[in-house]
Amino acid sequence: MGAVTPEAVLSLDDATLKEIGFSRQKTSYVRGLAREIASGELDLEELAFLDNDEARKRLIRVRGIGGWTADTYLLFALRRQDAWPSGD
């Protein structure tokens, strides 16, 4: 696949995604996320400038992203020290 970009993810067929471990549900979620990023509907760079609550809200609007995933993104991708995935 090379670089992991929205376009690269969208170019993968169902069989390839299944081969690398994606369930049908996860395939649906990852394609939806890739479409939102590719269209600019979700701007990952913009998230860095938002406070935790607003960034979390933007992420949770994406089908398949819940609170735990949003908090994990805040913690690891955005390096927010005051974010912690609930339940951990």
PDB file of N, CA and C in Angstrom:
ATOM      1  N   MET A   1       0.828  -1.193   0.000  1.00  0.00           N
ATOM      2  CA  MET A   1       0.000   0.000   0.000  1.00  0.00           C
ATOM      3  C   MET A   1       0.868   1.251   0.000  1.00  0.00           C
ATOM      4  N   GLY A   2       2.031   1.180   0.586  1.00  0.00           N
ATOM      5  CA  GLY A   2       2.854   2.389   0.672  1.00  0.00           C
ATOM      6  C   GLY A   2       2.386   3.283   1.799  1.00  0.00           C
ATOM      7  N   ALA A   3       2.384   4.560   1.549  1.00  0.00           N
ATOM      8  CA  ALA A   3       1.958   5.527   2.565  1.00  0.00           C
ATOM      9  C   ALA A   3       0.484   5.327   2.904  1.00  0.00           C
ATOM     10  N   VAL A   4       0.168   5.477   4.173  1.00  0.00           N
ATOM     11  CA  VAL A   4      -1.222   5.344   4.605  1.00  0.00           C
ATOM     12  C   VAL A   4      -1.875   6.716   4.464  1.00  0.00           C
ATOM     13  N   THR A   5      -2.634   6.864   3.404  1.00  0.00           N
ATOM     14  CA  THR A   5      -3.373   8.093   3.125  1.00  0.00           C
ATOM     15  C   THR A   5      -4.832   7.724   2.917  1.00  0.00           C
ATOM     16  N   PRO A   6      -5.732   8.688   3.014  1.00  0.00           N
ATOM     17  CA  PRO A   6      -7.137   8.367   2.746  1.00  0.00           C
ATOM     18  C   PRO A   6      -7.328   7.760   1.355  1.00  0.00           C
ATOM     19  N   GLU A   7      -6.641   8.305   0.381  1.00  0.00           N
ATOM     20  CA  GLU A   7      -6.777   7.808  -0.980  1.00  0.00           C
ATOM     21  C   GLU A   7      -6.271   6.368  -1.104  1.00  0.00           C
ATOM     22  N   ALA A   8      -5.167   6.066  -0.457  1.00  0.00           N
ATOM     23  CA  ALA A   8      -4.625   4.708  -0.489  1.00  0.00           C
ATOM     24  C   ALA A   8      -5.586   3.729   0.180  1.00  0.00           C
ATOM     25  N   VAL A   9      -6.149   4.118   1.313  1.00  0.00           N
ATOM     26  CA  VAL A   9      -7.107   3.252   2.007  1.00  0.00           C
ATOM     27  C   VAL A   9      -8.329   3.014   1.125  1.00  0.00           C
ATOM     28  N   LEU A  10      -8.824   4.071   0.489  1.00  0.00           N
ATOM     29  CA  LEU A  10     -10.008   3.931  -0.359  1.00  0.00           C
ATOM     30  C   LEU A  10      -9.745   3.088  -1.607  1.00  0.00           C
ATOM     31  N   SER A  11      -8.492   2.945  -1.977  1.00  0.00           N
ATOM     32  CA  SER A  11      -8.157   2.148  -3.163  1.00  0.00           C
ATOM     33  C   SER A  11      -8.135   0.643  -2.884  1.00  0.00           C
ATOM     34  N   LEU A  12      -8.154   0.264  -1.607  1.00  0.00           N
ATOM     35  CA  LEU A  12      -8.096  -1.153  -1.250  1.00  0.00           C
ATOM     36  C   LEU A  12      -9.478  -1.787  -1.369  1.00  0.00           C
ATOM     37  N   ASP A  13      -9.536  -2.972  -1.961  1.00  0.00           N
ATOM     38  CA  ASP A  13     -10.821  -3.655  -2.088  1.00  0.00           C
ATOM     39  C   ASP A  13     -11.120  -4.455  -0.813  1.00  0.00           C
ATOM     40  N   ASP A  14     -12.344  -4.950  -0.742  1.00  0.00           N
ATOM     41  CA  ASP A  14     -12.784  -5.701   0.445  1.00  0.00           C
ATOM     42  C   ASP A  14     -11.886  -6.895   0.741  1.00  0.00           C
ATOM     43  N   ALA A  15     -11.494  -7.619  -0.302  1.00  0.00           N
ATOM     44  CA  ALA A  15     -10.674  -8.816  -0.104  1.00  0.00           C
ATOM     45  C   ALA A  15      -9.327  -8.462   0.516  1.00  0.00           C
ATOM     46  N   THR A  16      -8.740  -7.391   0.072  1.00  0.00           N
ATOM     47  CA  THR A  16      -7.443  -6.969   0.620  1.00  0.00           C
ATOM     48  C   THR A  16      -7.584  -6.562   2.078  1.00  0.00           C
ATOM     49  N   LEU A  17      -8.605  -5.787   2.381  1.00  0.00           N
ATOM     50  CA  LEU A  17      -8.816  -5.374   3.764  1.00  0.00           C
ATOM     51  C   LEU A  17      -9.083  -6.583   4.664  1.00  0.00           C
ATOM     52  N   LYS A  18      -9.845  -7.539   4.163  1.00  0.00           N
ATOM     53  CA  LYS A  18     -10.112  -8.747   4.947  1.00  0.00           C
ATOM     54  C   LYS A  18      -8.813  -9.520   5.178  1.00  0.00           C
ATOM     55  N   GLU A  19      -7.983  -9.582   4.149  1.00  0.00           N
ATOM     56  CA  GLU A  19      -6.705 -10.295   4.231  1.00  0.00           C
ATOM     57  C   GLU A  19      -5.789  -9.713   5.313  1.00  0.00           C
ATOM     58  N   ILE A  20      -5.876  -8.406   5.525  1.00  0.00           N
ATOM     59  CA  ILE A  20      -5.014  -7.778   6.533  1.00  0.00           C
ATOM     60  C   ILE A  20      -5.714  -7.627   7.889  1.00  0.00           C
ATOM     61  N   GLY A  21      -6.899  -8.268   8.023  1.00  0.00           N
ATOM     62  CA  GLY A  21      -7.519  -8.363   9.335  1.00  0.00           C
ATOM     63  C   GLY A  21      -8.716  -7.481   9.603  1.00  0.00           C
ATOM     64  N   PHE A  22      -9.242  -6.805   8.587  1.00  0.00           N
ATOM     65  CA  PHE A  22     -10.406  -5.949   8.802  1.00  0.00           C
ATOM     66  C   PHE A  22     -11.692  -6.760   8.690  1.00  0.00           C
ATOM     67  N   SER A  23     -12.573  -6.589   9.662  1.00  0.00           N
ATOM     68  CA  SER A  23     -13.915  -7.167   9.576  1.00  0.00           C
ATOM     69  C   SER A  23     -14.741  -6.283   8.634  1.00  0.00           C
ATOM     70  N   ARG A  24     -15.935  -6.743   8.261  1.00  0.00           N
ATOM     71  CA  ARG A  24     -16.807  -5.901   7.423  1.00  0.00           C
ATOM     72  C   ARG A  24     -17.124  -4.585   8.119  1.00  0.00           C
ATOM     73  N   GLN A  25     -17.379  -4.650   9.418  1.00  0.00           N
ATOM     74  CA  GLN A  25     -17.707  -3.445  10.177  1.00  0.00           C
ATOM     75  C   GLN A  25     -16.529  -2.469  10.190  1.00  0.00           C
ATOM     76  N   LYS A  26     -15.336  -2.970  10.464  1.00  0.00           N
ATOM     77  CA  LYS A  26     -14.156  -2.097  10.485  1.00  0.00           C
ATOM     78  C   LYS A  26     -13.854  -1.546   9.099  1.00  0.00           C
ATOM     79  N   THR A  27     -14.095  -2.335   8.069  1.00  0.00           N
ATOM     80  CA  THR A  27     -13.914  -1.851   6.698  1.00  0.00           C
ATOM     81  C   THR A  27     -14.830  -0.659   6.448  1.00  0.00           C
ATOM     82  N   SER A  28     -16.066  -0.771   6.876  1.00  0.00           N
ATOM     83  CA  SER A  28     -17.021   0.329   6.719  1.00  0.00           C
ATOM     84  C   SER A  28     -16.548   1.575   7.468  1.00  0.00           C
ATOM     85  N   TYR A  29     -16.099   1.386   8.694  1.00  0.00           N
ATOM     86  CA  TYR A  29     -15.636   2.516   9.500  1.00  0.00           C
ATOM     87  C   TYR A  29     -14.403   3.182   8.895  1.00  0.00           C
ATOM     88  N   VAL A  30     -13.425   2.388   8.486  1.00  0.00           N
ATOM     89  CA  VAL A  30     -12.176   2.968   7.976  1.00  0.00           C
ATOM     90  C   VAL A  30     -12.416   3.681   6.648  1.00  0.00           C
ATOM     91  N   ARG A  31     -13.296   3.156   5.836  1.00  0.00           N
ATOM     92  CA  ARG A  31     -13.617   3.846   4.576  1.00  0.00           C
ATOM     93  C   ARG A  31     -14.356   5.150   4.843  1.00  0.00           C
ATOM     94  N   GLY A  32     -15.271   5.139   5.791  1.00  0.00           N
ATOM     95  CA  GLY A  32     -15.973   6.374   6.146  1.00  0.00           C
ATOM     96  C   GLY A  32     -15.016   7.430   6.663  1.00  0.00           C
ATOM     97  N   LEU A  33     -14.099   7.022   7.511  1.00  0.00           N
ATOM     98  CA  LEU A  33     -13.097   7.944   8.039  1.00  0.00           C
ATOM     99  C   LEU A  33     -12.226   8.477   6.910  1.00  0.00           C
ATOM    100  N   ALA A  34     -11.786   7.610   6.024  1.00  0.00           N
ATOM    101  CA  ALA A  34     -10.943   8.032   4.892  1.00  0.00           C
ATOM    102  C   ALA A  34     -11.687   9.029   4.013  1.00  0.00           C
ATOM    103  N   ARG A  35     -12.971   8.794   3.759  1.00  0.00           N
ATOM    104  CA  ARG A  35     -13.768   9.728   2.948  1.00  0.00           C
ATOM    105  C   ARG A  35     -13.883  11.093   3.615  1.00  0.00           C
ATOM    106  N   GLU A  36     -14.105  11.092   4.930  1.00  0.00           N
ATOM    107  CA  GLU A  36     -14.242  12.368   5.643  1.00  0.00           C
ATOM    108  C   GLU A  36     -12.944  13.166   5.623  1.00  0.00           C
ATOM    109  N   ILE A  37     -11.820  12.478   5.759  1.00  0.00           N
ATOM    110  CA  ILE A  37     -10.528  13.165   5.719  1.00  0.00           C
ATOM    111  C   ILE A  37     -10.243  13.651   4.299  1.00  0.00           C
ATOM    112  N   ALA A  38     -10.472  12.804   3.302  1.00  0.00           N
ATOM    113  CA  ALA A  38     -10.198  13.170   1.905  1.00  0.00           C
ATOM    114  C   ALA A  38     -11.047  14.352   1.452  1.00  0.00           C
ATOM    115  N   SER A  39     -12.286  14.415   1.923  1.00  0.00           N
ATOM    116  CA  SER A  39     -13.194  15.495   1.511  1.00  0.00           C
ATOM    117  C   SER A  39     -12.960  16.781   2.289  1.00  0.00           C
ATOM    118  N   GLY A  40     -12.187  16.699   3.356  1.00  0.00           N
ATOM    119  CA  GLY A  40     -11.966  17.871   4.201  1.00  0.00           C
ATOM    120  C   GLY A  40     -13.020  18.050   5.277  1.00  0.00           C
ATOM    121  N   GLU A  41     -13.990  17.140   5.307  1.00  0.00           N
ATOM    122  CA  GLU A  41     -15.030  17.202   6.331  1.00  0.00           C
ATOM    123  C   GLU A  41     -14.426  17.047   7.726  1.00  0.00           C
ATOM    124  N   LEU A  42     -13.391  16.216   7.835  1.00  0.00           N
ATOM    125  CA  LEU A  42     -12.626  16.080   9.077  1.00  0.00           C
ATOM    126  C   LEU A  42     -11.207  16.530   8.768  1.00  0.00           C
ATOM    127  N   ASP A  43     -10.803  17.616   9.396  1.00  0.00           N
ATOM    128  CA  ASP A  43      -9.465  18.173   9.184  1.00  0.00           C
ATOM    129  C   ASP A  43      -8.608  17.831  10.395  1.00  0.00           C
ATOM    130  N   LEU A  44      -7.735  16.840  10.231  1.00  0.00           N
ATOM    131  CA  LEU A  44      -6.914  16.388  11.352  1.00  0.00           C
ATOM    132  C   LEU A  44      -5.960  17.466  11.835  1.00  0.00           C
ATOM    133  N   GLU A  45      -5.469  18.304  10.944  1.00  0.00           N
ATOM    134  CA  GLU A  45      -4.561  19.379  11.350  1.00  0.00           C
ATOM    135  C   GLU A  45      -5.281  20.401  12.221  1.00  0.00           C
ATOM    136  N   GLU A  46      -6.542  20.663  11.917  1.00  0.00           N
ATOM    137  CA  GLU A  46      -7.327  21.619  12.694  1.00  0.00           C
ATOM    138  C   GLU A  46      -7.541  21.142  14.136  1.00  0.00           C
ATOM    139  N   LEU A  47      -7.633  19.823  14.314  1.00  0.00           N
ATOM    140  CA  LEU A  47      -7.867  19.282  15.654  1.00  0.00           C
ATOM    141  C   LEU A  47      -6.799  19.736  16.647  1.00  0.00           C
ATOM    142  N   ALA A  48      -5.589  19.930  16.178  1.00  0.00           N
ATOM    143  CA  ALA A  48      -4.489  20.337  17.057  1.00  0.00           C
ATOM    144  C   ALA A  48      -4.728  21.701  17.685  1.00  0.00           C
ATOM    145  N   PHE A  49      -5.568  22.527  17.066  1.00  0.00           N
ATOM    146  CA  PHE A  49      -5.818  23.878  17.560  1.00  0.00           C
ATOM    147  C   PHE A  49      -7.080  23.981  18.410  1.00  0.00           C
ATOM    148  N   LEU A  50      -7.796  22.875  18.541  1.00  0.00           N
ATOM    149  CA  LEU A  50      -9.035  22.870  19.326  1.00  0.00           C
ATOM    150  C   LEU A  50      -8.763  22.383  20.739  1.00  0.00           C
ATOM    151  N   ASP A  51      -9.604  22.814  21.676  1.00  0.00           N
ATOM    152  CA  ASP A  51      -9.461  22.274  23.030  1.00  0.00           C
ATOM    153  C   ASP A  51      -9.939  20.824  23.014  1.00  0.00           C
ATOM    154  N   ASN A  52      -9.630  20.107  24.067  1.00  0.00           N
ATOM    155  CA  ASN A  52      -9.920  18.672  24.123  1.00  0.00           C
ATOM    156  C   ASN A  52     -11.390  18.357  23.871  1.00  0.00           C
ATOM    157  N   ASP A  53     -12.283  19.117  24.496  1.00  0.00           N
ATOM    158  CA  ASP A  53     -13.707  18.815  24.351  1.00  0.00           C
ATOM    159  C   ASP A  53     -14.177  18.986  22.920  1.00  0.00           C
ATOM    160  N   GLU A  54     -13.747  20.059  22.268  1.00  0.00           N
ATOM    161  CA  GLU A  54     -14.173  20.292  20.890  1.00  0.00           C
ATOM    162  C   GLU A  54     -13.547  19.280  19.938  1.00  0.00           C
ATOM    163  N   ALA A  55     -12.279  18.959  20.136  1.00  0.00           N
ATOM    164  CA  ALA A  55     -11.620  17.958  19.294  1.00  0.00           C
ATOM    165  C   ALA A  55     -12.305  16.602  19.461  1.00  0.00           C
ATOM    166  N   ARG A  56     -12.640  16.250  20.679  1.00  0.00           N
ATOM    167  CA  ARG A  56     -13.330  14.990  20.960  1.00  0.00           C
ATOM    168  C   ARG A  56     -14.685  14.959  20.241  1.00  0.00           C
ATOM    169  N   LYS A  57     -15.437  16.067  20.322  1.00  0.00           N
ATOM    170  CA  LYS A  57     -16.747  16.137  19.655  1.00  0.00           C
ATOM    171  C   LYS A  57     -16.610  15.941  18.146  1.00  0.00           C
ATOM    172  N   ARG A  58     -15.605  16.580  17.558  1.00  0.00           N
ATOM    173  CA  ARG A  58     -15.402  16.445  16.109  1.00  0.00           C
ATOM    174  C   ARG A  58     -15.082  15.001  15.731  1.00  0.00           C
ATOM    175  N   LEU A  59     -14.256  14.364  16.533  1.00  0.00           N
ATOM    176  CA  LEU A  59     -13.886  12.971  16.242  1.00  0.00           C
ATOM    177  C   LEU A  59     -15.073  12.029  16.406  1.00  0.00           C
ATOM    178  N   ILE A  60     -15.844  12.223  17.453  1.00  0.00           N
ATOM    179  CA  ILE A  60     -16.962  11.328  17.754  1.00  0.00           C
ATOM    180  C   ILE A  60     -18.078  11.436  16.712  1.00  0.00           C
ATOM    181  N   ARG A  61     -18.107  12.514  15.961  1.00  0.00           N
ATOM    182  CA  ARG A  61     -19.104  12.630  14.885  1.00  0.00           C
ATOM    183  C   ARG A  61     -18.866  11.612  13.776  1.00  0.00           C
ATOM    184  N   VAL A  62     -17.651  11.111  13.691  1.00  0.00           N
ATOM    185  CA  VAL A  62     -17.308  10.129  12.660  1.00  0.00           C
ATOM    186  C   VAL A  62     -17.829   8.762  13.087  1.00  0.00           C
ATOM    187  N   ARG A  63     -18.591   8.134  12.215  1.00  0.00           N
ATOM    188  CA  ARG A  63     -19.147   6.815  12.512  1.00  0.00           C
ATOM    189  C   ARG A  63     -18.007   5.841  12.819  1.00  0.00           C
ATOM    190  N   GLY A  64     -18.118   5.153  13.948  1.00  0.00           N
ATOM    191  CA  GLY A  64     -17.105   4.176  14.344  1.00  0.00           C
ATOM    192  C   GLY A  64     -16.091   4.708  15.338  1.00  0.00           C
ATOM    193  N   ILE A  65     -16.107   6.031  15.574  1.00  0.00           N
ATOM    194  CA  ILE A  65     -15.199   6.608  16.570  1.00  0.00           C
ATOM    195  C   ILE A  65     -16.021   6.953  17.806  1.00  0.00           C
ATOM    196  N   GLY A  66     -15.615   6.372  18.923  1.00  0.00           N
ATOM    197  CA  GLY A  66     -16.282   6.637  20.186  1.00  0.00           C
ATOM    198  C   GLY A  66     -15.350   7.385  21.118  1.00  0.00           C
ATOM    199  N   GLY A  67     -15.780   7.522  22.344  1.00  0.00           N
ATOM    200  CA  GLY A  67     -15.014   8.274  23.332  1.00  0.00           C
ATOM    201  C   GLY A  67     -13.615   7.737  23.568  1.00  0.00           C
ATOM    202  N   TRP A  68     -13.494   6.418  23.684  1.00  0.00           N
ATOM    203  CA  TRP A  68     -12.181   5.826  23.941  1.00  0.00           C
ATOM    204  C   TRP A  68     -11.217   6.118  22.794  1.00  0.00           C
ATOM    205  N   THR A  69     -11.677   5.932  21.564  1.00  0.00           N
ATOM    206  CA  THR A  69     -10.833   6.176  20.397  1.00  0.00           C
ATOM    207  C   THR A  69     -10.457   7.647  20.299  1.00  0.00           C
ATOM    208  N   ALA A  70     -11.413   8.522  20.533  1.00  0.00           N
ATOM    209  CA  ALA A  70     -11.137   9.958  20.484  1.00  0.00           C
ATOM    210  C   ALA A  70     -10.094  10.341  21.534  1.00  0.00           C
ATOM    211  N   ASP A  71     -10.261   9.854  22.752  1.00  0.00           N
ATOM    212  CA  ASP A  71      -9.297  10.171  23.813  1.00  0.00           C
ATOM    213  C   ASP A  71      -7.920   9.593  23.509  1.00  0.00           C
ATOM    214  N   THR A  72      -7.884   8.414  22.929  1.00  0.00           N
ATOM    215  CA  THR A  72      -6.610   7.812  22.545  1.00  0.00           C
ATOM    216  C   THR A  72      -5.925   8.662  21.478  1.00  0.00           C
ATOM    217  N   TYR A  73      -6.691   9.180  20.524  1.00  0.00           N
ATOM    218  CA  TYR A  73      -6.131  10.063  19.500  1.00  0.00           C
ATOM    219  C   TYR A  73      -5.573  11.334  20.143  1.00  0.00           C
ATOM    220  N   LEU A  74      -6.340  11.909  21.061  1.00  0.00           N
ATOM    221  CA  LEU A  74      -5.873  13.118  21.758  1.00  0.00           C
ATOM    222  C   LEU A  74      -4.567  12.845  22.498  1.00  0.00           C
ATOM    223  N   LEU A  75      -4.493  11.718  23.164  1.00  0.00           N
ATOM    224  CA  LEU A  75      -3.328  11.384  23.970  1.00  0.00           C
ATOM    225  C   LEU A  75      -2.098  11.097  23.112  1.00  0.00           C
ATOM    226  N   PHE A  76      -2.235  10.248  22.120  1.00  0.00           N
ATOM    227  CA  PHE A  76      -1.068   9.796  21.362  1.00  0.00           C
ATOM    228  C   PHE A  76      -0.757  10.630  20.119  1.00  0.00           C
ATOM    229  N   ALA A  77      -1.764  10.999  19.351  1.00  0.00           N
ATOM    230  CA  ALA A  77      -1.501  11.758  18.118  1.00  0.00           C
ATOM    231  C   ALA A  77      -1.302  13.245  18.408  1.00  0.00           C
ATOM    232  N   LEU A  78      -2.115  13.782  19.310  1.00  0.00           N
ATOM    233  CA  LEU A  78      -2.017  15.209  19.611  1.00  0.00           C
ATOM    234  C   LEU A  78      -1.185  15.501  20.853  1.00  0.00           C
ATOM    235  N   ARG A  79      -0.712  14.444  21.522  1.00  0.00           N
ATOM    236  CA  ARG A  79       0.156  14.575  22.701  1.00  0.00           C
ATOM    237  C   ARG A  79      -0.476  15.406  23.824  1.00  0.00           C
ATOM    238  N   ARG A  80      -1.785  15.221  24.003  1.00  0.00           N
ATOM    239  CA  ARG A  80      -2.484  15.933  25.075  1.00  0.00           C
ATOM    240  C   ARG A  80      -2.290  15.160  26.371  1.00  0.00           C
ATOM    241  N   GLN A  81      -1.548  15.719  27.278  1.00  0.00           N
ATOM    242  CA  GLN A  81      -1.245  15.031  28.528  1.00  0.00           C
ATOM    243  C   GLN A  81      -2.444  14.943  29.464  1.00  0.00           C
ATOM    244  N   ASP A  82      -3.434  15.798  29.234  1.00  0.00           N
ATOM    245  CA  ASP A  82      -4.597  15.807  30.116  1.00  0.00           C
ATOM    246  C   ASP A  82      -5.760  14.988  29.555  1.00  0.00           C
ATOM    247  N   ALA A  83      -5.516  14.192  28.520  1.00  0.00           N
ATOM    248  CA  ALA A  83      -6.544  13.305  27.969  1.00  0.00           C
ATOM    249  C   ALA A  83      -6.216  11.881  28.400  1.00  0.00           C
ATOM    250  N   TRP A  84      -7.235  11.158  28.774  1.00  0.00           N
ATOM    251  CA  TRP A  84      -7.022   9.769  29.161  1.00  0.00           C
ATOM    252  C   TRP A  84      -8.234   8.961  28.711  1.00  0.00           C
ATOM    253  N   PRO A  85      -8.018   7.872  27.973  1.00  0.00           N
ATOM    254  CA  PRO A  85      -9.135   7.050  27.513  1.00  0.00           C
ATOM    255  C   PRO A  85      -9.946   6.509  28.688  1.00  0.00           C
ATOM    256  N   SER A  86     -11.243   6.797  28.690  1.00  0.00           N
ATOM    257  CA  SER A  86     -12.088   6.316  29.776  1.00  0.00           C
ATOM    258  C   SER A  86     -12.115   4.795  29.767  1.00  0.00           C
ATOM    259  N   GLY A  87     -12.129   4.230  30.924  1.00  0.00           N
ATOM    260  CA  GLY A  87     -12.115   2.781  31.057  1.00  0.00           C
ATOM    261  C   GLY A  87     -10.729   2.204  31.222  1.00  0.00           C
ATOM    262  N   ASP A  88      -9.695   3.017  31.043  1.00  0.00           N
ATOM    263  CA  ASP A  88      -8.308   2.549  31.220  1.00  0.00           C
ATOM    264  C   ASP A  88      -7.774   3.025  32.547  1.00  0.00           C
TER     265      ASP A  88
END
